[in-house]
């Protein structure tokens, strides 16, 4: 831990460029700064989900309607609400996942002999989610510029993935460069905060991902 405080932009860019060097500057008092990044991640996750969903026809989202002969033109209000439902669901799941994963890592690191504080880990984890926040910004832009046809094609291809392991892995959002980068940053954060070896920190950081993968795998399609 360092007594020298860095500016928000300098600290964020520093963590992204050199996490091993700059995480030592992230302290408990930087919790609000970390939460700013988390808030951006949640906001853009909700925005991208809402825009994507608003471009997918209701008969594609719920194909059972056509099978039972329901005229989708008579449920326009429901169709128009899907974007809002999706936004709220995405925001809640992203925020809850971030909080839960932080608590899990703190518990495991403490059991492993680490002496770091939970509040500082929350601050560090906030900075470590910067790649996810950037990913959701790019997804929002993509959702805005993409045509309905291309979004429908991607959605149906994703939905029709029959290999459960692959589908579960895709649902964790970790099989992307952003997910891998965030996992690396979290590893450095855990190692710095709790004073554990980086290999052990990596295993601790990986546990929440594996738990979310397991939940996605056993959940009904």
C-alpha atoms as a PDB file:
ATOM      1  CA  UNK A   1       0.000   0.000   0.000  1.00  0.00           C
ATOM      2  CA  UNK A   2       1.303   3.454  -0.895  1.00  0.00           C
ATOM      3  CA  UNK A   3       0.746   6.863   0.699  1.00  0.00           C
ATOM      4  CA  UNK A   4       1.058   8.521  -2.697  1.00  0.00           C
ATOM      5  CA  UNK A   5      -2.375   8.996  -4.281  1.00  0.00           C
ATOM      6  CA  UNK A   6      -2.724   9.043  -8.048  1.00  0.00           C
ATOM      7  CA  UNK A   7      -5.412  10.743 -10.117  1.00  0.00           C
ATOM      8  CA  UNK A   8      -8.353   8.695 -11.340  1.00  0.00           C
ATOM      9  CA  UNK A   9      -7.356   8.649 -15.013  1.00  0.00           C
ATOM     10  CA  UNK A  10      -3.682   8.083 -14.231  1.00  0.00           C
ATOM     11  CA  UNK A  11      -4.526   5.265 -11.842  1.00  0.00           C
ATOM     12  CA  UNK A  12      -6.947   3.588 -14.255  1.00  0.00           C
ATOM     13  CA  UNK A  13      -4.529   3.716 -17.186  1.00  0.00           C
ATOM     14  CA  UNK A  14      -1.677   2.683 -14.930  1.00  0.00           C
ATOM     15  CA  UNK A  15      -3.547  -0.398 -13.727  1.00  0.00           C
ATOM     16  CA  UNK A  16      -4.366  -1.333 -17.314  1.00  0.00           C
ATOM     17  CA  UNK A  17      -0.753  -0.889 -18.464  1.00  0.00           C
ATOM     18  CA  UNK A  18       1.052  -2.269 -15.426  1.00  0.00           C
ATOM     19  CA  UNK A  19      -1.195  -3.926 -12.841  1.00  0.00           C
ATOM     20  CA  UNK A  20       1.736  -5.337 -10.903  1.00  0.00           C
ATOM     21  CA  UNK A  21       3.040  -1.820 -10.319  1.00  0.00           C
ATOM     22  CA  UNK A  22      -0.114   0.300 -10.018  1.00  0.00           C
ATOM     23  CA  UNK A  23      -2.460  -1.847  -7.923  1.00  0.00           C
ATOM     24  CA  UNK A  24      -0.355  -0.924  -4.906  1.00  0.00           C
ATOM     25  CA  UNK A  25      -1.690   2.633  -5.303  1.00  0.00           C
ATOM     26  CA  UNK A  26      -5.322   1.473  -5.081  1.00  0.00           C
ATOM     27  CA  UNK A  27      -6.508   1.827  -1.486  1.00  0.00           C
ATOM     28  CA  UNK A  28      -9.766   1.656   0.441  1.00  0.00           C
ATOM     29  CA  UNK A  29     -10.347   5.368  -0.133  1.00  0.00           C
ATOM     30  CA  UNK A  30     -10.447   4.630  -3.876  1.00  0.00           C
ATOM     31  CA  UNK A  31     -13.631   2.586  -3.505  1.00  0.00           C
ATOM     32  CA  UNK A  32     -15.791   5.316  -5.044  1.00  0.00           C
ATOM     33  CA  UNK A  33     -13.454   5.499  -8.049  1.00  0.00           C
ATOM     34  CA  UNK A  34     -13.719   1.761  -8.550  1.00  0.00           C
ATOM     35  CA  UNK A  35     -17.488   1.962  -8.269  1.00  0.00           C
ATOM     36  CA  UNK A  36     -17.543   4.575 -11.040  1.00  0.00           C
ATOM     37  CA  UNK A  37     -16.054   1.994 -13.400  1.00  0.00           C
ATOM     38  CA  UNK A  38     -18.505  -0.624 -12.172  1.00  0.00           C
ATOM     39  CA  UNK A  39     -21.391   1.801 -12.704  1.00  0.00           C
ATOM     40  CA  UNK A  40     -20.265   2.402 -16.290  1.00  0.00           C
ATOM     41  CA  UNK A  41     -20.090  -1.350 -16.844  1.00  0.00           C
ATOM     42  CA  UNK A  42     -23.620  -1.830 -15.490  1.00  0.00           C
ATOM     43  CA  UNK A  43     -25.087   1.119 -17.418  1.00  0.00           C
ATOM     44  CA  UNK A  44     -23.632   0.062 -20.759  1.00  0.00           C
ATOM     45  CA  UNK A  45     -24.493  -3.598 -20.141  1.00  0.00           C
ATOM     46  CA  UNK A  46     -28.104  -2.540 -19.657  1.00  0.00           C
ATOM     47  CA  UNK A  47     -28.026  -0.213 -22.672  1.00  0.00           C
ATOM     48  CA  UNK A  48     -26.532  -2.782 -25.055  1.00  0.00           C
ATOM     49  CA  UNK A  49     -28.931  -5.484 -23.894  1.00  0.00           C
ATOM     50  CA  UNK A  50     -31.928  -3.182 -24.317  1.00  0.00           C
ATOM     51  CA  UNK A  51     -30.937  -2.089 -27.821  1.00  0.00           C
ATOM     52  CA  UNK A  52     -30.151  -5.622 -28.959  1.00  0.00           C
ATOM     53  CA  UNK A  53     -33.450  -6.937 -27.608  1.00  0.00           C
ATOM     54  CA  UNK A  54     -35.470  -4.112 -29.144  1.00  0.00           C
ATOM     55  CA  UNK A  55     -34.210  -5.150 -32.597  1.00  0.00           C
ATOM     56  CA  UNK A  56     -35.249  -8.787 -32.247  1.00  0.00           C
ATOM     57  CA  UNK A  57     -38.875  -9.549 -33.233  1.00  0.00           C
ATOM     58  CA  UNK A  58     -41.019 -11.088 -30.520  1.00  0.00           C
ATOM     59  CA  UNK A  59     -41.703 -14.189 -32.620  1.00  0.00           C
ATOM     60  CA  UNK A  60     -37.937 -14.844 -32.654  1.00  0.00           C
ATOM     61  CA  UNK A  61     -37.559 -14.293 -28.909  1.00  0.00           C
ATOM     62  CA  UNK A  62     -40.559 -16.481 -28.113  1.00  0.00           C
ATOM     63  CA  UNK A  63     -41.042 -18.862 -31.055  1.00  0.00           C
ATOM     64  CA  UNK A  64     -43.707 -20.753 -29.089  1.00  0.00           C
ATOM     65  CA  UNK A  65     -46.118 -17.913 -29.840  1.00  0.00           C
ATOM     66  CA  UNK A  66     -46.208 -18.819 -33.497  1.00  0.00           C
ATOM     67  CA  UNK A  67     -46.544 -22.496 -32.725  1.00  0.00           C
ATOM     68  CA  UNK A  68     -49.772 -21.899 -30.807  1.00  0.00           C
ATOM     69  CA  UNK A  69     -51.132 -19.469 -33.375  1.00  0.00           C
ATOM     70  CA  UNK A  70     -50.765 -16.236 -31.410  1.00  0.00           C
ATOM     71  CA  UNK A  71     -50.838 -13.088 -33.557  1.00  0.00           C
ATOM     72  CA  UNK A  72     -47.745 -11.151 -32.408  1.00  0.00           C
ATOM     73  CA  UNK A  73     -49.264  -7.914 -33.680  1.00  0.00           C
ATOM     74  CA  UNK A  74     -51.749  -8.108 -30.802  1.00  0.00           C
ATOM     75  CA  UNK A  75     -49.010  -8.152 -28.133  1.00  0.00           C
ATOM     76  CA  UNK A  76     -47.149  -5.031 -29.146  1.00  0.00           C
ATOM     77  CA  UNK A  77     -47.023  -3.672 -25.609  1.00  0.00           C
ATOM     78  CA  UNK A  78     -45.255  -6.804 -24.424  1.00  0.00           C
ATOM     79  CA  UNK A  79     -42.828  -6.679 -27.322  1.00  0.00           C
ATOM     80  CA  UNK A  80     -42.021  -3.067 -26.571  1.00  0.00           C
ATOM     81  CA  UNK A  81     -41.307  -3.925 -22.933  1.00  0.00           C
ATOM     82  CA  UNK A  82     -38.784  -6.664 -23.740  1.00  0.00           C
ATOM     83  CA  UNK A  83     -35.973  -4.140 -24.106  1.00  0.00           C
ATOM     84  CA  UNK A  84     -36.709  -2.692 -20.664  1.00  0.00           C
ATOM     85  CA  UNK A  85     -36.942  -6.128 -19.062  1.00  0.00           C
ATOM     86  CA  UNK A  86     -33.666  -7.124 -20.661  1.00  0.00           C
ATOM     87  CA  UNK A  87     -31.934  -3.931 -19.503  1.00  0.00           C
ATOM     88  CA  UNK A  88     -33.043  -4.393 -15.892  1.00  0.00           C
ATOM     89  CA  UNK A  89     -32.119  -8.075 -15.942  1.00  0.00           C
ATOM     90  CA  UNK A  90     -28.666  -7.365 -17.372  1.00  0.00           C
ATOM     91  CA  UNK A  91     -27.972  -4.575 -14.888  1.00  0.00           C
ATOM     92  CA  UNK A  92     -29.005  -6.688 -11.895  1.00  0.00           C
ATOM     93  CA  UNK A  93     -27.106  -9.794 -13.017  1.00  0.00           C
ATOM     94  CA  UNK A  94     -23.896  -7.890 -13.839  1.00  0.00           C
ATOM     95  CA  UNK A  95     -23.904  -5.967 -10.556  1.00  0.00           C
ATOM     96  CA  UNK A  96     -24.870  -8.992  -8.464  1.00  0.00           C
ATOM     97  CA  UNK A  97     -22.214 -11.101 -10.164  1.00  0.00           C
ATOM     98  CA  UNK A  98     -19.550  -8.478  -9.447  1.00  0.00           C
ATOM     99  CA  UNK A  99     -20.505  -8.202  -5.772  1.00  0.00           C
ATOM    100  CA  UNK A 100     -20.798 -11.964  -5.273  1.00  0.00           C
ATOM    101  CA  UNK A 101     -17.482 -12.704  -6.979  1.00  0.00           C
ATOM    102  CA  UNK A 102     -15.741 -10.106  -4.794  1.00  0.00           C
ATOM    103  CA  UNK A 103     -17.153 -11.672  -1.635  1.00  0.00           C
ATOM    104  CA  UNK A 104     -16.159 -15.166  -2.776  1.00  0.00           C
ATOM    105  CA  UNK A 105     -12.586 -14.094  -3.530  1.00  0.00           C
ATOM    106  CA  UNK A 106     -12.287 -12.311  -0.185  1.00  0.00           C
ATOM    107  CA  UNK A 107     -13.451 -15.407   1.666  1.00  0.00           C
ATOM    108  CA  UNK A 108     -11.091 -17.711  -0.204  1.00  0.00           C
ATOM    109  CA  UNK A 109      -8.112 -15.364   0.123  1.00  0.00           C
ATOM    110  CA  UNK A 110      -8.741 -15.020   3.858  1.00  0.00           C
ATOM    111  CA  UNK A 111      -8.945 -18.800   4.248  1.00  0.00           C
ATOM    112  CA  UNK A 112      -5.664 -19.029   2.327  1.00  0.00           C
ATOM    113  CA  UNK A 113      -3.968 -16.859   4.946  1.00  0.00           C
ATOM    114  CA  UNK A 114      -4.316 -13.465   3.287  1.00  0.00           C
ATOM    115  CA  UNK A 115      -4.628 -10.370   5.444  1.00  0.00           C
ATOM    116  CA  UNK A 116      -6.178  -7.891   3.007  1.00  0.00           C
ATOM    117  CA  UNK A 117      -9.365  -5.916   3.592  1.00  0.00           C
ATOM    118  CA  UNK A 118     -12.669  -6.436   1.797  1.00  0.00           C
ATOM    119  CA  UNK A 119     -13.198  -2.724   1.127  1.00  0.00           C
ATOM    120  CA  UNK A 120      -9.850  -2.449  -0.658  1.00  0.00           C
ATOM    121  CA  UNK A 121     -10.648  -5.541  -2.735  1.00  0.00           C
ATOM    122  CA  UNK A 122     -13.929  -3.969  -3.807  1.00  0.00           C
ATOM    123  CA  UNK A 123     -11.970  -0.885  -4.921  1.00  0.00           C
ATOM    124  CA  UNK A 124      -9.391  -2.995  -6.770  1.00  0.00           C
ATOM    125  CA  UNK A 125     -12.033  -5.197  -8.373  1.00  0.00           C
ATOM    126  CA  UNK A 126     -13.703  -2.049  -9.642  1.00  0.00           C
ATOM    127  CA  UNK A 127     -10.555  -1.047 -11.516  1.00  0.00           C
ATOM    128  CA  UNK A 128     -10.075  -4.648 -12.676  1.00  0.00           C
ATOM    129  CA  UNK A 129     -13.477  -4.583 -14.400  1.00  0.00           C
ATOM    130  CA  UNK A 130     -12.353  -1.846 -16.811  1.00  0.00           C
ATOM    131  CA  UNK A 131     -12.015  -4.373 -19.692  1.00  0.00           C
ATOM    132  CA  UNK A 132     -15.594  -5.537 -19.108  1.00  0.00           C
ATOM    133  CA  UNK A 133     -16.774  -1.920 -19.040  1.00  0.00           C
ATOM    134  CA  UNK A 134     -15.014  -1.277 -22.363  1.00  0.00           C
ATOM    135  CA  UNK A 135     -16.555  -4.446 -23.781  1.00  0.00           C
ATOM    136  CA  UNK A 136     -20.063  -3.246 -22.917  1.00  0.00           C
ATOM    137  CA  UNK A 137     -19.360   0.188 -24.413  1.00  0.00           C
ATOM    138  CA  UNK A 138     -18.356  -1.488 -27.679  1.00  0.00           C
ATOM    139  CA  UNK A 139     -21.402  -3.768 -27.504  1.00  0.00           C
ATOM    140  CA  UNK A 140     -23.645  -0.724 -27.116  1.00  0.00           C
ATOM    141  CA  UNK A 141     -22.135   0.855 -30.223  1.00  0.00           C
ATOM    142  CA  UNK A 142     -22.466  -2.436 -32.104  1.00  0.00           C
ATOM    143  CA  UNK A 143     -26.095  -2.818 -31.019  1.00  0.00           C
ATOM    144  CA  UNK A 144     -26.845   0.708 -32.233  1.00  0.00           C
ATOM    145  CA  UNK A 145     -25.237   0.367 -35.689  1.00  0.00           C
ATOM    146  CA  UNK A 146     -26.117  -3.275 -36.428  1.00  0.00           C
ATOM    147  CA  UNK A 147     -29.157  -4.153 -38.473  1.00  0.00           C
ATOM    148  CA  UNK A 148     -32.026  -6.146 -37.058  1.00  0.00           C
ATOM    149  CA  UNK A 149     -31.284  -8.954 -39.504  1.00  0.00           C
ATOM    150  CA  UNK A 150     -27.682  -9.392 -38.361  1.00  0.00           C
ATOM    151  CA  UNK A 151     -28.674  -9.289 -34.682  1.00  0.00           C
ATOM    152  CA  UNK A 152     -31.399 -11.892 -35.260  1.00  0.00           C
ATOM    153  CA  UNK A 153     -28.908 -14.134 -37.094  1.00  0.00           C
ATOM    154  CA  UNK A 154     -26.422 -13.898 -34.219  1.00  0.00           C
ATOM    155  CA  UNK A 155     -29.118 -14.445 -31.596  1.00  0.00           C
ATOM    156  CA  UNK A 156     -30.537 -17.546 -33.251  1.00  0.00           C
ATOM    157  CA  UNK A 157     -27.050 -18.989 -33.856  1.00  0.00           C
ATOM    158  CA  UNK A 158     -26.234 -18.489 -30.168  1.00  0.00           C
ATOM    159  CA  UNK A 159     -29.544 -19.952 -29.059  1.00  0.00           C
ATOM    160  CA  UNK A 160     -29.123 -22.995 -31.269  1.00  0.00           C
ATOM    161  CA  UNK A 161     -25.722 -23.979 -29.849  1.00  0.00           C
ATOM    162  CA  UNK A 162     -26.360 -27.590 -28.845  1.00  0.00           C
ATOM    163  CA  UNK A 163     -23.082 -28.248 -27.000  1.00  0.00           C
ATOM    164  CA  UNK A 164     -23.930 -27.377 -23.385  1.00  0.00           C
ATOM    165  CA  UNK A 165     -20.345 -26.820 -22.305  1.00  0.00           C
ATOM    166  CA  UNK A 166     -19.788 -24.293 -25.080  1.00  0.00           C
ATOM    167  CA  UNK A 167     -23.066 -22.516 -24.338  1.00  0.00           C
ATOM    168  CA  UNK A 168     -22.191 -22.302 -20.637  1.00  0.00           C
ATOM    169  CA  UNK A 169     -18.745 -20.932 -21.457  1.00  0.00           C
ATOM    170  CA  UNK A 170     -20.250 -18.285 -23.745  1.00  0.00           C
ATOM    171  CA  UNK A 171     -22.690 -17.258 -21.024  1.00  0.00           C
ATOM    172  CA  UNK A 172     -19.858 -16.510 -18.582  1.00  0.00           C
ATOM    173  CA  UNK A 173     -18.570 -13.826 -20.991  1.00  0.00           C
ATOM    174  CA  UNK A 174     -15.028 -14.985 -20.191  1.00  0.00           C
ATOM    175  CA  UNK A 175     -14.103 -16.512 -23.541  1.00  0.00           C
ATOM    176  CA  UNK A 176     -13.248 -13.089 -24.931  1.00  0.00           C
ATOM    177  CA  UNK A 177     -10.119 -10.975 -24.771  1.00  0.00           C
ATOM    178  CA  UNK A 178     -11.964  -8.664 -22.367  1.00  0.00           C
ATOM    179  CA  UNK A 179     -12.880 -11.500 -20.014  1.00  0.00           C
ATOM    180  CA  UNK A 180      -9.359 -12.927 -20.011  1.00  0.00           C
ATOM    181  CA  UNK A 181      -7.840  -9.475 -19.449  1.00  0.00           C
ATOM    182  CA  UNK A 182     -10.158  -8.822 -16.515  1.00  0.00           C
ATOM    183  CA  UNK A 183      -9.234 -12.178 -14.985  1.00  0.00           C
ATOM    184  CA  UNK A 184      -5.546 -11.251 -15.235  1.00  0.00           C
ATOM    185  CA  UNK A 185      -6.171  -7.894 -13.536  1.00  0.00           C
ATOM    186  CA  UNK A 186      -8.196  -9.547 -10.764  1.00  0.00           C
ATOM    187  CA  UNK A 187      -5.326 -11.965 -10.187  1.00  0.00           C
ATOM    188  CA  UNK A 188      -2.917  -9.066  -9.671  1.00  0.00           C
ATOM    189  CA  UNK A 189      -5.448  -7.353  -7.380  1.00  0.00           C
ATOM    190  CA  UNK A 190      -5.864 -10.410  -5.165  1.00  0.00           C
ATOM    191  CA  UNK A 191      -2.108 -10.979  -4.981  1.00  0.00           C
ATOM    192  CA  UNK A 192      -1.466  -7.350  -4.012  1.00  0.00           C
ATOM    193  CA  UNK A 193      -4.296  -7.011  -1.510  1.00  0.00           C
ATOM    194  CA  UNK A 194      -3.761 -10.272   0.351  1.00  0.00           C
ATOM    195  CA  UNK A 195      -0.033 -10.791  -0.096  1.00  0.00           C
ATOM    196  CA  UNK A 196      -0.457 -14.247  -1.624  1.00  0.00           C
ATOM    197  CA  UNK A 197       1.557 -15.734  -4.435  1.00  0.00           C
ATOM    198  CA  UNK A 198       0.314 -14.921  -7.911  1.00  0.00           C
ATOM    199  CA  UNK A 199      -0.392 -18.563  -8.759  1.00  0.00           C
ATOM    200  CA  UNK A 200      -2.626 -18.904  -5.727  1.00  0.00           C
ATOM    201  CA  UNK A 201      -4.241 -15.555  -6.533  1.00  0.00           C
ATOM    202  CA  UNK A 202      -5.032 -16.823 -10.033  1.00  0.00           C
ATOM    203  CA  UNK A 203      -6.776 -19.885  -8.616  1.00  0.00           C
ATOM    204  CA  UNK A 204      -8.785 -17.700  -6.231  1.00  0.00           C
ATOM    205  CA  UNK A 205      -9.774 -15.357  -9.079  1.00  0.00           C
ATOM    206  CA  UNK A 206     -10.829 -18.314 -11.208  1.00  0.00           C
ATOM    207  CA  UNK A 207     -13.223 -19.823  -8.642  1.00  0.00           C
ATOM    208  CA  UNK A 208     -16.122 -17.346  -9.198  1.00  0.00           C
ATOM    209  CA  UNK A 209     -15.809 -17.851 -12.965  1.00  0.00           C
ATOM    210  CA  UNK A 210     -16.032 -21.624 -12.533  1.00  0.00           C
ATOM    211  CA  UNK A 211     -19.020 -21.267 -10.209  1.00  0.00           C
ATOM    212  CA  UNK A 212     -20.868 -19.046 -12.704  1.00  0.00           C
ATOM    213  CA  UNK A 213     -19.974 -21.538 -15.439  1.00  0.00           C
ATOM    214  CA  UNK A 214     -21.422 -24.375 -13.351  1.00  0.00           C
ATOM    215  CA  UNK A 215     -24.631 -22.464 -12.670  1.00  0.00           C
ATOM    216  CA  UNK A 216     -25.002 -21.702 -16.382  1.00  0.00           C
ATOM    217  CA  UNK A 217     -24.311 -25.344 -17.273  1.00  0.00           C
ATOM    218  CA  UNK A 218     -26.905 -26.839 -14.935  1.00  0.00           C
ATOM    219  CA  UNK A 219     -29.534 -24.183 -15.673  1.00  0.00           C
ATOM    220  CA  UNK A 220     -32.266 -25.174 -18.133  1.00  0.00           C
ATOM    221  CA  UNK A 221     -31.680 -23.937 -21.693  1.00  0.00           C
END
